[in-house]
Amino acid sequence: MTMSDYSRFISDCIAADAGEDHGLTDDELYGVYISWCALRRQIPEPCKAFWAAMAKLGFDERRRINRRYVRPGLRMTGPAAVDYILASRASLA
């Protein structure tokens, strides 16, 4: 996957969230990426390649909030976010 593909993932699925006590966990960010790839019928890259690309795009900051690490200032959005939420929380489906 090229850096432009990862940039497209960010523009399609990730939005800024002004709340300082919110953010996406690593599992959530990678999970919405997996959903985005599935919806586009693409094979997702392994975690290591994904995180390397996210670091190059500036998404490498993590903070500990409420006893877990999050990538602050981010929220998921769009069809891949809906797919991820429904797949990860079966009680909502």
PDB file of N, CA and C in Angstrom:
ATOM      1  N   MET A   1       0.854  -1.170   0.000  1.00  0.00           N
ATOM      2  CA  MET A   1       0.000   0.000   0.000  1.00  0.00           C
ATOM      3  C   MET A   1       0.901   1.234   0.000  1.00  0.00           C
ATOM      4  N   THR A   2       0.529   2.228  -0.753  1.00  0.00           N
ATOM      5  CA  THR A   2       1.340   3.440  -0.854  1.00  0.00           C
ATOM      6  C   THR A   2       0.947   4.444   0.234  1.00  0.00           C
ATOM      7  N   MET A   3       1.802   5.430   0.432  1.00  0.00           N
ATOM      8  CA  MET A   3       1.483   6.468   1.417  1.00  0.00           C
ATOM      9  C   MET A   3       0.212   7.207   1.028  1.00  0.00           C
ATOM     10  N   SER A   4      -0.045   7.348  -0.272  1.00  0.00           N
ATOM     11  CA  SER A   4      -1.279   8.023  -0.678  1.00  0.00           C
ATOM     12  C   SER A   4      -2.510   7.201  -0.293  1.00  0.00           C
ATOM     13  N   ASP A   5      -2.382   5.860  -0.284  1.00  0.00           N
ATOM     14  CA  ASP A   5      -3.491   5.022   0.182  1.00  0.00           C
ATOM     15  C   ASP A   5      -3.757   5.253   1.669  1.00  0.00           C
ATOM     16  N   TYR A   6      -2.679   5.339   2.453  1.00  0.00           N
ATOM     17  CA  TYR A   6      -2.845   5.612   3.881  1.00  0.00           C
ATOM     18  C   TYR A   6      -3.423   7.009   4.105  1.00  0.00           C
ATOM     19  N   SER A   7      -2.995   7.965   3.304  1.00  0.00           N
ATOM     20  CA  SER A   7      -3.550   9.320   3.399  1.00  0.00           C
ATOM     21  C   SER A   7      -5.031   9.308   3.064  1.00  0.00           C
ATOM     22  N   ARG A   8      -5.394   8.518   2.094  1.00  0.00           N
ATOM     23  CA  ARG A   8      -6.816   8.386   1.725  1.00  0.00           C
ATOM     24  C   ARG A   8      -7.602   7.773   2.877  1.00  0.00           C
ATOM     25  N   PHE A   9      -7.033   6.749   3.529  1.00  0.00           N
ATOM     26  CA  PHE A   9      -7.677   6.158   4.698  1.00  0.00           C
ATOM     27  C   PHE A   9      -7.927   7.236   5.754  1.00  0.00           C
ATOM     28  N   ILE A  10      -6.917   8.046   6.033  1.00  0.00           N
ATOM     29  CA  ILE A  10      -7.059   9.100   7.039  1.00  0.00           C
ATOM     30  C   ILE A  10      -8.166  10.068   6.635  1.00  0.00           C
ATOM     31  N   SER A  11      -8.169  10.510   5.390  1.00  0.00           N
ATOM     32  CA  SER A  11      -9.195  11.483   4.969  1.00  0.00           C
ATOM     33  C   SER A  11     -10.586  10.867   4.943  1.00  0.00           C
ATOM     34  N   ASP A  12     -10.691   9.582   4.647  1.00  0.00           N
ATOM     35  CA  ASP A  12     -11.997   8.911   4.599  1.00  0.00           C
ATOM     36  C   ASP A  12     -12.544   8.565   5.983  1.00  0.00           C
ATOM     37  N   CYS A  13     -11.651   8.284   6.933  1.00  0.00           N
ATOM     38  CA  CYS A  13     -12.094   7.625   8.167  1.00  0.00           C
ATOM     39  C   CYS A  13     -11.753   8.317   9.477  1.00  0.00           C
ATOM     40  N   ILE A  14     -10.854   9.278   9.459  1.00  0.00           N
ATOM     41  CA  ILE A  14     -10.390   9.878  10.703  1.00  0.00           C
ATOM     42  C   ILE A  14     -10.674  11.376  10.681  1.00  0.00           C
ATOM     43  N   ALA A  15     -11.202  11.866  11.796  1.00  0.00           N
ATOM     44  CA  ALA A  15     -11.497  13.289  11.922  1.00  0.00           C
ATOM     45  C   ALA A  15     -10.913  13.799  13.229  1.00  0.00           C
ATOM     46  N   ALA A  16     -10.720  15.108  13.273  1.00  0.00           N
ATOM     47  CA  ALA A  16     -10.210  15.728  14.497  1.00  0.00           C
ATOM     48  C   ALA A  16     -11.319  15.773  15.535  1.00  0.00           C
ATOM     49  N   ASP A  17     -10.941  15.591  16.775  1.00  0.00           N
ATOM     50  CA  ASP A  17     -11.858  15.676  17.908  1.00  0.00           C
ATOM     51  C   ASP A  17     -11.237  16.625  18.911  1.00  0.00           C
ATOM     52  N   ALA A  18     -11.904  17.715  19.182  1.00  0.00           N
ATOM     53  CA  ALA A  18     -11.336  18.742  20.054  1.00  0.00           C
ATOM     54  C   ALA A  18     -11.236  18.307  21.517  1.00  0.00           C
ATOM     55  N   GLY A  19     -11.953  17.269  21.902  1.00  0.00           N
ATOM     56  CA  GLY A  19     -11.936  16.830  23.291  1.00  0.00           C
ATOM     57  C   GLY A  19     -10.589  16.264  23.695  1.00  0.00           C
ATOM     58  N   GLU A  20      -9.983  16.834  24.718  1.00  0.00           N
ATOM     59  CA  GLU A  20      -8.673  16.362  25.179  1.00  0.00           C
ATOM     60  C   GLU A  20      -8.752  15.021  25.892  1.00  0.00           C
ATOM     61  N   ASP A  21      -9.922  14.655  26.378  1.00  0.00           N
ATOM     62  CA  ASP A  21     -10.047  13.388  27.106  1.00  0.00           C
ATOM     63  C   ASP A  21     -10.556  12.265  26.210  1.00  0.00           C
ATOM     64  N   HIS A  22     -10.508  12.491  24.907  1.00  0.00           N
ATOM     65  CA  HIS A  22     -10.946  11.493  23.943  1.00  0.00           C
ATOM     66  C   HIS A  22      -9.808  11.179  22.981  1.00  0.00           C
ATOM     67  N   GLY A  23      -9.996  10.139  22.243  1.00  0.00           N
ATOM     68  CA  GLY A  23      -9.036   9.737  21.225  1.00  0.00           C
ATOM     69  C   GLY A  23      -9.341   8.317  20.809  1.00  0.00           C
ATOM     70  N   LEU A  24      -8.544   7.787  19.940  1.00  0.00           N
ATOM     71  CA  LEU A  24      -8.712   6.415  19.466  1.00  0.00           C
ATOM     72  C   LEU A  24      -7.619   5.540  20.051  1.00  0.00           C
ATOM     73  N   THR A  25      -8.005   4.371  20.495  1.00  0.00           N
ATOM     74  CA  THR A  25      -7.007   3.403  20.935  1.00  0.00           C
ATOM     75  C   THR A  25      -6.345   2.813  19.689  1.00  0.00           C
ATOM     76  N   ASP A  26      -5.223   2.153  19.897  1.00  0.00           N
ATOM     77  CA  ASP A  26      -4.555   1.491  18.774  1.00  0.00           C
ATOM     78  C   ASP A  26      -5.475   0.469  18.132  1.00  0.00           C
ATOM     79  N   ASP A  27      -6.201  -0.289  18.947  1.00  0.00           N
ATOM     80  CA  ASP A  27      -7.124  -1.291  18.402  1.00  0.00           C
ATOM     81  C   ASP A  27      -8.209  -0.646  17.557  1.00  0.00           C
ATOM     82  N   GLU A  28      -8.730   0.482  18.004  1.00  0.00           N
ATOM     83  CA  GLU A  28      -9.778   1.165  17.242  1.00  0.00           C
ATOM     84  C   GLU A  28      -9.242   1.707  15.920  1.00  0.00           C
ATOM     85  N   LEU A  29      -8.075   2.329  15.959  1.00  0.00           N
ATOM     86  CA  LEU A  29      -7.511   2.900  14.731  1.00  0.00           C
ATOM     87  C   LEU A  29      -7.182   1.807  13.714  1.00  0.00           C
ATOM     88  N   TYR A  30      -6.548   0.744  14.164  1.00  0.00           N
ATOM     89  CA  TYR A  30      -6.235  -0.349  13.238  1.00  0.00           C
ATOM     90  C   TYR A  30      -7.526  -1.068  12.811  1.00  0.00           C
ATOM     91  N   GLY A  31      -8.479  -1.187  13.713  1.00  0.00           N
ATOM     92  CA  GLY A  31      -9.750  -1.841  13.383  1.00  0.00           C
ATOM     93  C   GLY A  31     -10.531  -1.112  12.306  1.00  0.00           C
ATOM     94  N   VAL A  32     -10.590   0.206  12.397  1.00  0.00           N
ATOM     95  CA  VAL A  32     -11.303   0.953  11.358  1.00  0.00           C
ATOM     96  C   VAL A  32     -10.533   0.875  10.035  1.00  0.00           C
ATOM     97  N   TYR A  33      -9.215   0.769  10.105  1.00  0.00           N
ATOM     98  CA  TYR A  33      -8.419   0.560   8.889  1.00  0.00           C
ATOM     99  C   TYR A  33      -8.775  -0.785   8.240  1.00  0.00           C
ATOM    100  N   ILE A  34      -8.885  -1.829   9.050  1.00  0.00           N
ATOM    101  CA  ILE A  34      -9.273  -3.150   8.532  1.00  0.00           C
ATOM    102  C   ILE A  34     -10.643  -3.070   7.863  1.00  0.00           C
ATOM    103  N   SER A  35     -11.595  -2.394   8.508  1.00  0.00           N
ATOM    104  CA  SER A  35     -12.928  -2.235   7.919  1.00  0.00           C
ATOM    105  C   SER A  35     -12.869  -1.449   6.621  1.00  0.00           C
ATOM    106  N   TRP A  36     -12.061  -0.389   6.588  1.00  0.00           N
ATOM    107  CA  TRP A  36     -11.917   0.414   5.376  1.00  0.00           C
ATOM    108  C   TRP A  36     -11.376  -0.441   4.234  1.00  0.00           C
ATOM    109  N   CYS A  37     -10.371  -1.248   4.535  1.00  0.00           N
ATOM    110  CA  CYS A  37      -9.814  -2.141   3.506  1.00  0.00           C
ATOM    111  C   CYS A  37     -10.864  -3.138   3.018  1.00  0.00           C
ATOM    112  N   ALA A  38     -11.633  -3.711   3.930  1.00  0.00           N
ATOM    113  CA  ALA A  38     -12.667  -4.684   3.550  1.00  0.00           C
ATOM    114  C   ALA A  38     -13.710  -4.046   2.642  1.00  0.00           C
ATOM    115  N   LEU A  39     -14.132  -2.841   2.968  1.00  0.00           N
ATOM    116  CA  LEU A  39     -15.126  -2.154   2.142  1.00  0.00           C
ATOM    117  C   LEU A  39     -14.576  -1.815   0.751  1.00  0.00           C
ATOM    118  N   ARG A  40     -13.275  -1.619   0.660  1.00  0.00           N
ATOM    119  CA  ARG A  40     -12.632  -1.316  -0.627  1.00  0.00           C
ATOM    120  C   ARG A  40     -12.118  -2.568  -1.333  1.00  0.00           C
ATOM    121  N   ARG A  41     -12.333  -3.707  -0.708  1.00  0.00           N
ATOM    122  CA  ARG A  41     -11.866  -4.998  -1.237  1.00  0.00           C
ATOM    123  C   ARG A  41     -10.352  -4.997  -1.455  1.00  0.00           C
ATOM    124  N   GLN A  42      -9.647  -4.486  -0.445  1.00  0.00           N
ATOM    125  CA  GLN A  42      -8.185  -4.477  -0.455  1.00  0.00           C
ATOM    126  C   GLN A  42      -7.681  -5.328   0.700  1.00  0.00           C
ATOM    127  N   ILE A  43      -6.516  -5.884   0.528  1.00  0.00           N
ATOM    128  CA  ILE A  43      -5.891  -6.656   1.595  1.00  0.00           C
ATOM    129  C   ILE A  43      -5.162  -5.681   2.519  1.00  0.00           C
ATOM    130  N   PRO A  44      -5.497  -5.680   3.807  1.00  0.00           N
ATOM    131  CA  PRO A  44      -4.817  -4.755   4.721  1.00  0.00           C
ATOM    132  C   PRO A  44      -3.352  -5.122   4.924  1.00  0.00           C
ATOM    133  N   GLU A  45      -2.568  -4.105   5.158  1.00  0.00           N
ATOM    134  CA  GLU A  45      -1.161  -4.318   5.459  1.00  0.00           C
ATOM    135  C   GLU A  45      -1.021  -4.817   6.897  1.00  0.00           C
ATOM    136  N   PRO A  46       0.063  -5.519   7.200  1.00  0.00           N
ATOM    137  CA  PRO A  46       0.302  -5.957   8.571  1.00  0.00           C
ATOM    138  C   PRO A  46       0.436  -4.757   9.515  1.00  0.00           C
ATOM    139  N   CYS A  47       0.227  -5.015  10.789  1.00  0.00           N
ATOM    140  CA  CYS A  47       0.295  -3.961  11.810  1.00  0.00           C
ATOM    141  C   CYS A  47       1.574  -3.136  11.711  1.00  0.00           C
ATOM    142  N   LYS A  48       2.704  -3.793  11.561  1.00  0.00           N
ATOM    143  CA  LYS A  48       3.994  -3.094  11.546  1.00  0.00           C
ATOM    144  C   LYS A  48       4.039  -2.058  10.425  1.00  0.00           C
ATOM    145  N   ALA A  49       3.592  -2.420   9.237  1.00  0.00           N
ATOM    146  CA  ALA A  49       3.587  -1.491   8.106  1.00  0.00           C
ATOM    147  C   ALA A  49       2.582  -0.360   8.338  1.00  0.00           C
ATOM    148  N   PHE A  50       1.434  -0.700   8.901  1.00  0.00           N
ATOM    149  CA  PHE A  50       0.408   0.302   9.189  1.00  0.00           C
ATOM    150  C   PHE A  50       0.940   1.349  10.159  1.00  0.00           C
ATOM    151  N   TRP A  51       1.537   0.898  11.271  1.00  0.00           N
ATOM    152  CA  TRP A  51       2.023   1.846  12.278  1.00  0.00           C
ATOM    153  C   TRP A  51       3.203   2.666  11.768  1.00  0.00           C
ATOM    154  N   ALA A  52       4.020   2.094  10.923  1.00  0.00           N
ATOM    155  CA  ALA A  52       5.118   2.860  10.321  1.00  0.00           C
ATOM    156  C   ALA A  52       4.548   3.982   9.450  1.00  0.00           C
ATOM    157  N   ALA A  53       3.520   3.671   8.685  1.00  0.00           N
ATOM    158  CA  ALA A  53       2.885   4.682   7.837  1.00  0.00           C
ATOM    159  C   ALA A  53       2.203   5.754   8.682  1.00  0.00           C
ATOM    160  N   MET A  54       1.533   5.349   9.755  1.00  0.00           N
ATOM    161  CA  MET A  54       0.874   6.326  10.623  1.00  0.00           C
ATOM    162  C   MET A  54       1.909   7.265  11.253  1.00  0.00           C
ATOM    163  N   ALA A  55       3.059   6.733  11.627  1.00  0.00           N
ATOM    164  CA  ALA A  55       4.126   7.570  12.196  1.00  0.00           C
ATOM    165  C   ALA A  55       4.618   8.578  11.165  1.00  0.00           C
ATOM    166  N   LYS A  56       4.781   8.129   9.928  1.00  0.00           N
ATOM    167  CA  LYS A  56       5.226   9.041   8.862  1.00  0.00           C
ATOM    168  C   LYS A  56       4.197  10.138   8.603  1.00  0.00           C
ATOM    169  N   LEU A  57       2.924   9.816   8.816  1.00  0.00           N
ATOM    170  CA  LEU A  57       1.853  10.799   8.615  1.00  0.00           C
ATOM    171  C   LEU A  57       1.626  11.660   9.862  1.00  0.00           C
ATOM    172  N   GLY A  58       2.383  11.413  10.915  1.00  0.00           N
ATOM    173  CA  GLY A  58       2.280  12.230  12.118  1.00  0.00           C
ATOM    174  C   GLY A  58       1.317  11.729  13.178  1.00  0.00           C
ATOM    175  N   PHE A  59       0.878  10.497  13.050  1.00  0.00           N
ATOM    176  CA  PHE A  59      -0.077   9.934  14.010  1.00  0.00           C
ATOM    177  C   PHE A  59       0.622   8.979  14.972  1.00  0.00           C
ATOM    178  N   ASP A  60       1.684   9.454  15.601  1.00  0.00           N
ATOM    179  CA  ASP A  60       2.426   8.574  16.491  1.00  0.00           C
ATOM    180  C   ASP A  60       2.335   8.968  17.961  1.00  0.00           C
ATOM    181  N   GLU A  61       1.679  10.079  18.258  1.00  0.00           N
ATOM    182  CA  GLU A  61       1.532  10.489  19.653  1.00  0.00           C
ATOM    183  C   GLU A  61       0.505   9.617  20.371  1.00  0.00           C
ATOM    184  N   ARG A  62       0.872   9.183  21.559  1.00  0.00           N
ATOM    185  CA  ARG A  62      -0.055   8.417  22.406  1.00  0.00           C
ATOM    186  C   ARG A  62      -0.017   9.004  23.808  1.00  0.00           C
ATOM    187  N   ARG A  63      -1.182   9.041  24.446  1.00  0.00           N
ATOM    188  CA  ARG A  63      -1.284   9.495  25.830  1.00  0.00           C
ATOM    189  C   ARG A  63      -2.082   8.480  26.627  1.00  0.00           C
ATOM    190  N   ARG A  64      -1.765   8.414  27.884  1.00  0.00           N
ATOM    191  CA  ARG A  64      -2.529   7.543  28.771  1.00  0.00           C
ATOM    192  C   ARG A  64      -3.699   8.351  29.323  1.00  0.00           C
ATOM    193  N   ILE A  65      -4.905   7.914  29.004  1.00  0.00           N
ATOM    194  CA  ILE A  65      -6.134   8.558  29.464  1.00  0.00           C
ATOM    195  C   ILE A  65      -7.060   7.464  29.996  1.00  0.00           C
ATOM    196  N   ASN A  66      -7.522   7.658  31.216  1.00  0.00           N
ATOM    197  CA  ASN A  66      -8.443   6.685  31.819  1.00  0.00           C
ATOM    198  C   ASN A  66      -7.903   5.259  31.775  1.00  0.00           C
ATOM    199  N   ARG A  67      -6.662   5.091  32.153  1.00  0.00           N
ATOM    200  CA  ARG A  67      -5.988   3.790  32.249  1.00  0.00           C
ATOM    201  C   ARG A  67      -5.805   3.072  30.918  1.00  0.00           C
ATOM    202  N   ARG A  68      -5.826   3.774  29.819  1.00  0.00           N
ATOM    203  CA  ARG A  68      -5.526   3.161  28.524  1.00  0.00           C
ATOM    204  C   ARG A  68      -4.820   4.185  27.655  1.00  0.00           C
ATOM    205  N   TYR A  69      -4.082   3.700  26.686  1.00  0.00           N
ATOM    206  CA  TYR A  69      -3.384   4.596  25.766  1.00  0.00           C
ATOM    207  C   TYR A  69      -4.295   4.932  24.592  1.00  0.00           C
ATOM    208  N   VAL A  70      -4.311   6.203  24.245  1.00  0.00           N
ATOM    209  CA  VAL A  70      -5.105   6.654  23.104  1.00  0.00           C
ATOM    210  C   VAL A  70      -4.269   7.586  22.240  1.00  0.00           C
ATOM    211  N   ARG A  71      -4.678   7.692  21.023  1.00  0.00           N
ATOM    212  CA  ARG A  71      -4.110   8.674  20.106  1.00  0.00           C
ATOM    213  C   ARG A  71      -5.053   9.870  20.194  1.00  0.00           C
ATOM    214  N   PRO A  72      -4.632  10.921  20.919  1.00  0.00           N
ATOM    215  CA  PRO A  72      -5.541  12.018  21.269  1.00  0.00           C
ATOM    216  C   PRO A  72      -5.979  12.847  20.074  1.00  0.00           C
ATOM    217  N   GLY A  73      -7.155  13.447  20.235  1.00  0.00           N
ATOM    218  CA  GLY A  73      -7.661  14.368  19.232  1.00  0.00           C
ATOM    219  C   GLY A  73      -8.192  13.722  17.977  1.00  0.00           C
ATOM    220  N   LEU A  74      -8.427  12.404  18.015  1.00  0.00           N
ATOM    221  CA  LEU A  74      -8.917  11.703  16.828  1.00  0.00           C
ATOM    222  C   LEU A  74     -10.241  11.014  17.121  1.00  0.00           C
ATOM    223  N   ARG A  75     -11.059  10.938  16.096  1.00  0.00           N
ATOM    224  CA  ARG A  75     -12.271  10.115  16.149  1.00  0.00           C
ATOM    225  C   ARG A  75     -12.470   9.482  14.787  1.00  0.00           C
ATOM    226  N   MET A  76     -13.180   8.367  14.768  1.00  0.00           N
ATOM    227  CA  MET A  76     -13.445   7.700  13.490  1.00  0.00           C
ATOM    228  C   MET A  76     -14.748   8.219  12.910  1.00  0.00           C
ATOM    229  N   THR A  77     -14.834   8.163  11.593  1.00  0.00           N
ATOM    230  CA  THR A  77     -16.011   8.672  10.904  1.00  0.00           C
ATOM    231  C   THR A  77     -16.207   7.898   9.599  1.00  0.00           C
ATOM    232  N   GLY A  78     -17.386   7.987   9.018  1.00  0.00           N
ATOM    233  CA  GLY A  78     -17.647   7.401   7.715  1.00  0.00           C
ATOM    234  C   GLY A  78     -18.101   5.952   7.757  1.00  0.00           C
ATOM    235  N   PRO A  79     -18.331   5.372   6.584  1.00  0.00           N
ATOM    236  CA  PRO A  79     -18.840   4.002   6.487  1.00  0.00           C
ATOM    237  C   PRO A  79     -17.946   2.955   7.152  1.00  0.00           C
ATOM    238  N   ALA A  80     -16.640   3.116   7.066  1.00  0.00           N
ATOM    239  CA  ALA A  80     -15.747   2.142   7.696  1.00  0.00           C
ATOM    240  C   ALA A  80     -15.881   2.190   9.216  1.00  0.00           C
ATOM    241  N   ALA A  81     -16.125   3.373   9.764  1.00  0.00           N
ATOM    242  CA  ALA A  81     -16.332   3.494  11.208  1.00  0.00           C
ATOM    243  C   ALA A  81     -17.594   2.747  11.630  1.00  0.00           C
ATOM    244  N   VAL A  82     -18.658   2.914  10.856  1.00  0.00           N
ATOM    245  CA  VAL A  82     -19.901   2.201  11.154  1.00  0.00           C
ATOM    246  C   VAL A  82     -19.678   0.695  11.075  1.00  0.00           C
ATOM    247  N   ASP A  83     -19.004   0.250  10.035  1.00  0.00           N
ATOM    248  CA  ASP A  83     -18.704  -1.172   9.870  1.00  0.00           C
ATOM    249  C   ASP A  83     -17.900  -1.696  11.055  1.00  0.00           C
ATOM    250  N   TYR A  84     -16.875  -0.961  11.454  1.00  0.00           N
ATOM    251  CA  TYR A  84     -16.037  -1.382  12.578  1.00  0.00           C
ATOM    252  C   TYR A  84     -16.845  -1.456  13.873  1.00  0.00           C
ATOM    253  N   ILE A  85     -17.630  -0.433  14.136  1.00  0.00           N
ATOM    254  CA  ILE A  85     -18.424  -0.407  15.374  1.00  0.00           C
ATOM    255  C   ILE A  85     -19.406  -1.567  15.418  1.00  0.00           C
ATOM    256  N   LEU A  86     -20.096  -1.817  14.323  1.00  0.00           N
ATOM    257  CA  LEU A  86     -21.052  -2.924  14.301  1.00  0.00           C
ATOM    258  C   LEU A  86     -20.361  -4.274  14.421  1.00  0.00           C
ATOM    259  N   ALA A  87     -19.202  -4.410  13.813  1.00  0.00           N
ATOM    260  CA  ALA A  87     -18.473  -5.689  13.866  1.00  0.00           C
ATOM    261  C   ALA A  87     -17.866  -5.927  15.245  1.00  0.00           C
ATOM    262  N   SER A  88     -17.453  -4.878  15.921  1.00  0.00           N
ATOM    263  CA  SER A  88     -16.791  -5.050  17.210  1.00  0.00           C
ATOM    264  C   SER A  88     -17.740  -5.040  18.388  1.00  0.00           C
ATOM    265  N   ARG A  89     -18.953  -4.616  18.170  1.00  0.00           N
ATOM    266  CA  ARG A  89     -19.959  -4.594  19.235  1.00  0.00           C
ATOM    267  C   ARG A  89     -21.223  -5.289  18.733  1.00  0.00           C
ATOM    268  N   ALA A  90     -21.167  -6.590  18.773  1.00  0.00           N
ATOM    269  CA  ALA A  90     -22.249  -7.414  18.193  1.00  0.00           C
ATOM    270  C   ALA A  90     -23.612  -7.089  18.772  1.00  0.00           C
ATOM    271  N   SER A  91     -23.677  -6.603  19.995  1.00  0.00           N
ATOM    272  CA  SER A  91     -24.968  -6.290  20.599  1.00  0.00           C
ATOM    273  C   SER A  91     -25.681  -5.123  19.908  1.00  0.00           C
ATOM    274  N   LEU A  92     -24.941  -4.344  19.104  1.00  0.00           N
ATOM    275  CA  LEU A  92     -25.538  -3.232  18.384  1.00  0.00           C
ATOM    276  C   LEU A  92     -26.153  -3.648  17.049  1.00  0.00           C
ATOM    277  N   ALA A  93     -25.731  -4.793  16.530  1.00  0.00           N
ATOM    278  CA  ALA A  93     -26.188  -5.221  15.208  1.00  0.00           C
ATOM    279  C   ALA A  93     -27.613  -5.731  15.235  1.00  0.00           C
TER     280      ALA A  93
END
